[in-house]
Amino acid sequence: MVSVVGPAQGALACEDAFAASAGLFAAVCAELAVPEAAVMTHAQLEDLLGLRMREVTRQLFQGAVDELVG
């Protein structure tokens, strides 16, 4: 079942359901902005992003599941 809500309502619901994943994504961005990241090799950055983005993806999935059952 798909519910139809106005843009403002949908945006607020999305913000609530995915706030944790947005926070994790912001943390990844901040981690990449530090001077230590500038000296990492391509392989090190790829490993770091792979790990961090898996966590973001897991949290997005959890937010979607919570939104469906909530």
PDB file of N, CA and C in Angstrom:
ATOM      1  N   MET A   1       0.843  -1.176   0.000  1.00  0.00           N
ATOM      2  CA  MET A   1       0.000   0.000   0.000  1.00  0.00           C
ATOM      3  C   MET A   1       0.889   1.239   0.000  1.00  0.00           C
ATOM      4  N   VAL A   2       0.607   2.158  -0.870  1.00  0.00           N
ATOM      5  CA  VAL A   2       1.350   3.409  -0.961  1.00  0.00           C
ATOM      6  C   VAL A   2       0.447   4.525  -0.491  1.00  0.00           C
ATOM      7  N   SER A   3       0.942   5.313   0.442  1.00  0.00           N
ATOM      8  CA  SER A   3       0.150   6.445   0.899  1.00  0.00           C
ATOM      9  C   SER A   3       0.641   7.699   0.194  1.00  0.00           C
ATOM     10  N   VAL A   4      -0.283   8.589  -0.048  1.00  0.00           N
ATOM     11  CA  VAL A   4       0.058   9.832  -0.715  1.00  0.00           C
ATOM     12  C   VAL A   4      -0.034  10.939   0.316  1.00  0.00           C
ATOM     13  N   VAL A   5       1.070  11.658   0.466  1.00  0.00           N
ATOM     14  CA  VAL A   5       1.097  12.795   1.387  1.00  0.00           C
ATOM     15  C   VAL A   5       1.640  13.995   0.633  1.00  0.00           C
ATOM     16  N   GLY A   6       1.389  15.143   1.169  1.00  0.00           N
ATOM     17  CA  GLY A   6       1.904  16.363   0.553  1.00  0.00           C
ATOM     18  C   GLY A   6       3.416  16.418   0.669  1.00  0.00           C
ATOM     19  N   PRO A   7       4.053  17.269  -0.129  1.00  0.00           N
ATOM     20  CA  PRO A   7       5.509  17.356  -0.120  1.00  0.00           C
ATOM     21  C   PRO A   7       6.093  17.658   1.255  1.00  0.00           C
ATOM     22  N   ALA A   8       5.474  18.561   1.986  1.00  0.00           N
ATOM     23  CA  ALA A   8       6.012  18.909   3.308  1.00  0.00           C
ATOM     24  C   ALA A   8       5.906  17.734   4.269  1.00  0.00           C
ATOM     25  N   GLN A   9       4.764  17.058   4.270  1.00  0.00           N
ATOM     26  CA  GLN A   9       4.595  15.902   5.154  1.00  0.00           C
ATOM     27  C   GLN A   9       5.566  14.795   4.794  1.00  0.00           C
ATOM     28  N   GLY A  10       5.717  14.524   3.514  1.00  0.00           N
ATOM     29  CA  GLY A  10       6.622  13.483   3.063  1.00  0.00           C
ATOM     30  C   GLY A  10       8.057  13.789   3.435  1.00  0.00           C
ATOM     31  N   ALA A  11       8.444  15.042   3.296  1.00  0.00           N
ATOM     32  CA  ALA A  11       9.811  15.439   3.640  1.00  0.00           C
ATOM     33  C   ALA A  11      10.067  15.265   5.129  1.00  0.00           C
ATOM     34  N   LEU A  12       9.095  15.650   5.958  1.00  0.00           N
ATOM     35  CA  LEU A  12       9.279  15.501   7.400  1.00  0.00           C
ATOM     36  C   LEU A  12       9.362  14.038   7.805  1.00  0.00           C
ATOM     37  N   ALA A  13       8.494  13.197   7.230  1.00  0.00           N
ATOM     38  CA  ALA A  13       8.522  11.770   7.546  1.00  0.00           C
ATOM     39  C   ALA A  13       9.854  11.173   7.117  1.00  0.00           C
ATOM     40  N   CYS A  14      10.338  11.577   5.964  1.00  0.00           N
ATOM     41  CA  CYS A  14      11.612  11.081   5.458  1.00  0.00           C
ATOM     42  C   CYS A  14      12.748  11.517   6.386  1.00  0.00           C
ATOM     43  N   GLU A  15      12.716  12.753   6.809  1.00  0.00           N
ATOM     44  CA  GLU A  15      13.751  13.253   7.713  1.00  0.00           C
ATOM     45  C   GLU A  15      13.762  12.468   9.010  1.00  0.00           C
ATOM     46  N   ASP A  16      12.595  12.161   9.550  1.00  0.00           N
ATOM     47  CA  ASP A  16      12.517  11.403  10.793  1.00  0.00           C
ATOM     48  C   ASP A  16      13.012   9.976  10.609  1.00  0.00           C
ATOM     49  N   ALA A  17      12.550   9.318   9.560  1.00  0.00           N
ATOM     50  CA  ALA A  17      12.877   7.910   9.339  1.00  0.00           C
ATOM     51  C   ALA A  17      14.342   7.707   8.996  1.00  0.00           C
ATOM     52  N   PHE A  18      14.953   8.680   8.362  1.00  0.00           N
ATOM     53  CA  PHE A  18      16.312   8.497   7.881  1.00  0.00           C
ATOM     54  C   PHE A  18      17.314   9.450   8.530  1.00  0.00           C
ATOM     55  N   ALA A  19      16.944  10.026   9.654  1.00  0.00           N
ATOM     56  CA  ALA A  19      17.845  10.946  10.345  1.00  0.00           C
ATOM     57  C   ALA A  19      19.138  10.258  10.766  1.00  0.00           C
ATOM     58  N   ALA A  20      19.051   9.027  11.236  1.00  0.00           N
ATOM     59  CA  ALA A  20      20.255   8.318  11.673  1.00  0.00           C
ATOM     60  C   ALA A  20      21.193   8.063  10.494  1.00  0.00           C
ATOM     61  N   SER A  21      20.636   7.677   9.349  1.00  0.00           N
ATOM     62  CA  SER A  21      21.493   7.424   8.189  1.00  0.00           C
ATOM     63  C   SER A  21      22.087   8.727   7.657  1.00  0.00           C
ATOM     64  N   ALA A  22      21.337   9.807   7.721  1.00  0.00           N
ATOM     65  CA  ALA A  22      21.870  11.104   7.303  1.00  0.00           C
ATOM     66  C   ALA A  22      23.020  11.518   8.208  1.00  0.00           C
ATOM     67  N   GLY A  23      22.886  11.237   9.493  1.00  0.00           N
ATOM     68  CA  GLY A  23      23.962  11.536  10.432  1.00  0.00           C
ATOM     69  C   GLY A  23      25.215  10.716  10.153  1.00  0.00           C
ATOM     70  N   LEU A  24      25.021   9.444   9.815  1.00  0.00           N
ATOM     71  CA  LEU A  24      26.167   8.601   9.476  1.00  0.00           C
ATOM     72  C   LEU A  24      26.847   9.100   8.202  1.00  0.00           C
ATOM     73  N   PHE A  25      26.040   9.503   7.205  1.00  0.00           N
ATOM     74  CA  PHE A  25      26.619  10.020   5.972  1.00  0.00           C
ATOM     75  C   PHE A  25      27.408  11.301   6.244  1.00  0.00           C
ATOM     76  N   ALA A  26      26.871  12.185   7.071  1.00  0.00           N
ATOM     77  CA  ALA A  26      27.571  13.422   7.424  1.00  0.00           C
ATOM     78  C   ALA A  26      28.889  13.108   8.131  1.00  0.00           C
ATOM     79  N   ALA A  27      28.887  12.069   8.964  1.00  0.00           N
ATOM     80  CA  ALA A  27      30.114  11.675   9.651  1.00  0.00           C
ATOM     81  C   ALA A  27      31.162  11.177   8.659  1.00  0.00           C
ATOM     82  N   VAL A  28      30.727  10.446   7.639  1.00  0.00           N
ATOM     83  CA  VAL A  28      31.649   9.983   6.598  1.00  0.00           C
ATOM     84  C   VAL A  28      32.257  11.181   5.872  1.00  0.00           C
ATOM     85  N   CYS A  29      31.419  12.145   5.516  1.00  0.00           N
ATOM     86  CA  CYS A  29      31.914  13.345   4.845  1.00  0.00           C
ATOM     87  C   CYS A  29      32.936  14.074   5.713  1.00  0.00           C
ATOM     88  N   ALA A  30      32.643  14.190   6.988  1.00  0.00           N
ATOM     89  CA  ALA A  30      33.573  14.856   7.910  1.00  0.00           C
ATOM     90  C   ALA A  30      34.874  14.075   8.019  1.00  0.00           C
ATOM     91  N   GLU A  31      34.780  12.756   8.033  1.00  0.00           N
ATOM     92  CA  GLU A  31      35.975  11.924   8.125  1.00  0.00           C
ATOM     93  C   GLU A  31      36.871  12.107   6.901  1.00  0.00           C
ATOM     94  N   LEU A  32      36.267  12.305   5.751  1.00  0.00           N
ATOM     95  CA  LEU A  32      37.040  12.502   4.520  1.00  0.00           C
ATOM     96  C   LEU A  32      37.651  13.900   4.439  1.00  0.00           C
ATOM     97  N   ALA A  33      37.142  14.827   5.222  1.00  0.00           N
ATOM     98  CA  ALA A  33      37.609  16.212   5.170  1.00  0.00           C
ATOM     99  C   ALA A  33      38.812  16.484   6.066  1.00  0.00           C
ATOM    100  N   VAL A  34      39.178  15.544   6.907  1.00  0.00           N
ATOM    101  CA  VAL A  34      40.307  15.769   7.818  1.00  0.00           C
ATOM    102  C   VAL A  34      41.630  15.593   7.074  1.00  0.00           C
ATOM    103  N   PRO A  35      42.679  16.248   7.540  1.00  0.00           N
ATOM    104  CA  PRO A  35      43.975  16.156   6.860  1.00  0.00           C
ATOM    105  C   PRO A  35      44.507  14.714   6.724  1.00  0.00           C
ATOM    106  N   GLU A  36      44.192  13.871   7.677  1.00  0.00           N
ATOM    107  CA  GLU A  36      44.674  12.491   7.619  1.00  0.00           C
ATOM    108  C   GLU A  36      44.160  11.759   6.379  1.00  0.00           C
ATOM    109  N   ALA A  37      42.957  12.098   5.940  1.00  0.00           N
ATOM    110  CA  ALA A  37      42.379  11.453   4.759  1.00  0.00           C
ATOM    111  C   ALA A  37      43.128  11.850   3.492  1.00  0.00           C
ATOM    112  N   ALA A  38      43.716  13.031   3.498  1.00  0.00           N
ATOM    113  CA  ALA A  38      44.418  13.519   2.307  1.00  0.00           C
ATOM    114  C   ALA A  38      45.670  12.705   1.999  1.00  0.00           C
ATOM    115  N   VAL A  39      46.205  12.018   2.989  1.00  0.00           N
ATOM    116  CA  VAL A  39      47.424  11.236   2.758  1.00  0.00           C
ATOM    117  C   VAL A  39      47.134   9.746   2.583  1.00  0.00           C
ATOM    118  N   MET A  40      45.868   9.384   2.603  1.00  0.00           N
ATOM    119  CA  MET A  40      45.512   7.980   2.412  1.00  0.00           C
ATOM    120  C   MET A  40      45.658   7.602   0.941  1.00  0.00           C
ATOM    121  N   THR A  41      46.021   6.360   0.716  1.00  0.00           N
ATOM    122  CA  THR A  41      46.104   5.874  -0.659  1.00  0.00           C
ATOM    123  C   THR A  41      44.699   5.649  -1.202  1.00  0.00           C
ATOM    124  N   HIS A  42      44.647   5.474  -2.504  1.00  0.00           N
ATOM    125  CA  HIS A  42      43.364   5.175  -3.141  1.00  0.00           C
ATOM    126  C   HIS A  42      42.750   3.925  -2.520  1.00  0.00           C
ATOM    127  N   ALA A  43      43.547   2.889  -2.335  1.00  0.00           N
ATOM    128  CA  ALA A  43      43.053   1.635  -1.755  1.00  0.00           C
ATOM    129  C   ALA A  43      42.554   1.839  -0.329  1.00  0.00           C
ATOM    130  N   GLN A  44      43.259   2.638   0.452  1.00  0.00           N
ATOM    131  CA  GLN A  44      42.829   2.907   1.827  1.00  0.00           C
ATOM    132  C   GLN A  44      41.505   3.669   1.844  1.00  0.00           C
ATOM    133  N   LEU A  45      41.380   4.655   0.968  1.00  0.00           N
ATOM    134  CA  LEU A  45      40.120   5.407   0.891  1.00  0.00           C
ATOM    135  C   LEU A  45      38.974   4.504   0.439  1.00  0.00           C
ATOM    136  N   GLU A  46      39.253   3.640  -0.525  1.00  0.00           N
ATOM    137  CA  GLU A  46      38.222   2.728  -1.005  1.00  0.00           C
ATOM    138  C   GLU A  46      37.770   1.784   0.107  1.00  0.00           C
ATOM    139  N   ASP A  47      38.719   1.268   0.877  1.00  0.00           N
ATOM    140  CA  ASP A  47      38.367   0.390   2.001  1.00  0.00           C
ATOM    141  C   ASP A  47      37.557   1.136   3.051  1.00  0.00           C
ATOM    142  N   LEU A  48      37.989   2.339   3.379  1.00  0.00           N
ATOM    143  CA  LEU A  48      37.292   3.152   4.369  1.00  0.00           C
ATOM    144  C   LEU A  48      35.860   3.447   3.916  1.00  0.00           C
ATOM    145  N   LEU A  49      35.719   3.895   2.671  1.00  0.00           N
ATOM    146  CA  LEU A  49      34.390   4.216   2.168  1.00  0.00           C
ATOM    147  C   LEU A  49      33.514   2.978   2.058  1.00  0.00           C
ATOM    148  N   GLY A  50      34.100   1.863   1.671  1.00  0.00           N
ATOM    149  CA  GLY A  50      33.323   0.624   1.599  1.00  0.00           C
ATOM    150  C   GLY A  50      32.739   0.265   2.943  1.00  0.00           C
ATOM    151  N   LEU A  51      33.560   0.346   3.964  1.00  0.00           N
ATOM    152  CA  LEU A  51      33.117   0.030   5.321  1.00  0.00           C
ATOM    153  C   LEU A  51      32.067   1.014   5.813  1.00  0.00           C
ATOM    154  N   ARG A  52      32.372   2.307   5.694  1.00  0.00           N
ATOM    155  CA  ARG A  52      31.459   3.330   6.213  1.00  0.00           C
ATOM    156  C   ARG A  52      30.120   3.339   5.455  1.00  0.00           C
ATOM    157  N   MET A  53      30.186   3.180   4.146  1.00  0.00           N
ATOM    158  CA  MET A  53      28.948   3.249   3.371  1.00  0.00           C
ATOM    159  C   MET A  53      28.094   2.000   3.567  1.00  0.00           C
ATOM    160  N   ARG A  54      28.697   0.873   3.910  1.00  0.00           N
ATOM    161  CA  ARG A  54      27.884  -0.294   4.279  1.00  0.00           C
ATOM    162  C   ARG A  54      27.057   0.018   5.511  1.00  0.00           C
ATOM    163  N   GLU A  55      27.657   0.729   6.458  1.00  0.00           N
ATOM    164  CA  GLU A  55      26.920   1.115   7.659  1.00  0.00           C
ATOM    165  C   GLU A  55      25.787   2.083   7.310  1.00  0.00           C
ATOM    166  N   VAL A  56      26.049   3.031   6.417  1.00  0.00           N
ATOM    167  CA  VAL A  56      25.007   3.963   5.983  1.00  0.00           C
ATOM    168  C   VAL A  56      23.876   3.190   5.309  1.00  0.00           C
ATOM    169  N   THR A  57      24.240   2.243   4.440  1.00  0.00           N
ATOM    170  CA  THR A  57      23.229   1.447   3.745  1.00  0.00           C
ATOM    171  C   THR A  57      22.403   0.628   4.726  1.00  0.00           C
ATOM    172  N   ARG A  58      23.051   0.021   5.701  1.00  0.00           N
ATOM    173  CA  ARG A  58      22.315  -0.747   6.716  1.00  0.00           C
ATOM    174  C   ARG A  58      21.324   0.142   7.463  1.00  0.00           C
ATOM    175  N   GLN A  59      21.781   1.343   7.799  1.00  0.00           N
ATOM    176  CA  GLN A  59      20.904   2.244   8.534  1.00  0.00           C
ATOM    177  C   GLN A  59      19.754   2.736   7.662  1.00  0.00           C
ATOM    178  N   LEU A  60      20.018   2.985   6.374  1.00  0.00           N
ATOM    179  CA  LEU A  60      18.937   3.352   5.443  1.00  0.00           C
ATOM    180  C   LEU A  60      17.904   2.239   5.365  1.00  0.00           C
ATOM    181  N   PHE A  61      18.374   1.008   5.260  1.00  0.00           N
ATOM    182  CA  PHE A  61      17.464  -0.132   5.206  1.00  0.00           C
ATOM    183  C   PHE A  61      16.632  -0.207   6.481  1.00  0.00           C
ATOM    184  N   GLN A  62      17.286  -0.034   7.628  1.00  0.00           N
ATOM    185  CA  GLN A  62      16.561  -0.086   8.893  1.00  0.00           C
ATOM    186  C   GLN A  62      15.525   1.026   8.975  1.00  0.00           C
ATOM    187  N   GLY A  63      15.881   2.222   8.514  1.00  0.00           N
ATOM    188  CA  GLY A  63      14.920   3.328   8.503  1.00  0.00           C
ATOM    189  C   GLY A  63      13.727   3.018   7.619  1.00  0.00           C
ATOM    190  N   ALA A  64      13.975   2.401   6.472  1.00  0.00           N
ATOM    191  CA  ALA A  64      12.871   2.025   5.576  1.00  0.00           C
ATOM    192  C   ALA A  64      11.976   0.980   6.213  1.00  0.00           C
ATOM    193  N   VAL A  65      12.575  -0.018   6.849  1.00  0.00           N
ATOM    194  CA  VAL A  65      11.793  -1.064   7.526  1.00  0.00           C
ATOM    195  C   VAL A  65      10.984  -0.454   8.668  1.00  0.00           C
ATOM    196  N   ASP A  66      11.628   0.391   9.451  1.00  0.00           N
ATOM    197  CA  ASP A  66      10.921   1.034  10.565  1.00  0.00           C
ATOM    198  C   ASP A  66       9.756   1.877  10.058  1.00  0.00           C
ATOM    199  N   GLU A  67       9.953   2.550   8.934  1.00  0.00           N
ATOM    200  CA  GLU A  67       8.895   3.385   8.359  1.00  0.00           C
ATOM    201  C   GLU A  67       7.724   2.511   7.887  1.00  0.00           C
ATOM    202  N   LEU A  68       8.021   1.371   7.336  1.00  0.00           N
ATOM    203  CA  LEU A  68       6.964   0.472   6.845  1.00  0.00           C
ATOM    204  C   LEU A  68       6.133  -0.118   7.980  1.00  0.00           C
ATOM    205  N   VAL A  69       6.798  -0.487   9.062  1.00  0.00           N
ATOM    206  CA  VAL A  69       6.055  -1.127  10.169  1.00  0.00           C
ATOM    207  C   VAL A  69       5.526  -0.103  11.166  1.00  0.00           C
ATOM    208  N   GLY A  70       6.035   1.111  11.083  1.00  0.00           N
ATOM    209  CA  GLY A  70       5.633   2.139  12.052  1.00  0.00           C
ATOM    210  C   GLY A  70       4.428   2.826  11.678  1.00  0.00           C
TER     211      GLY A  70
END
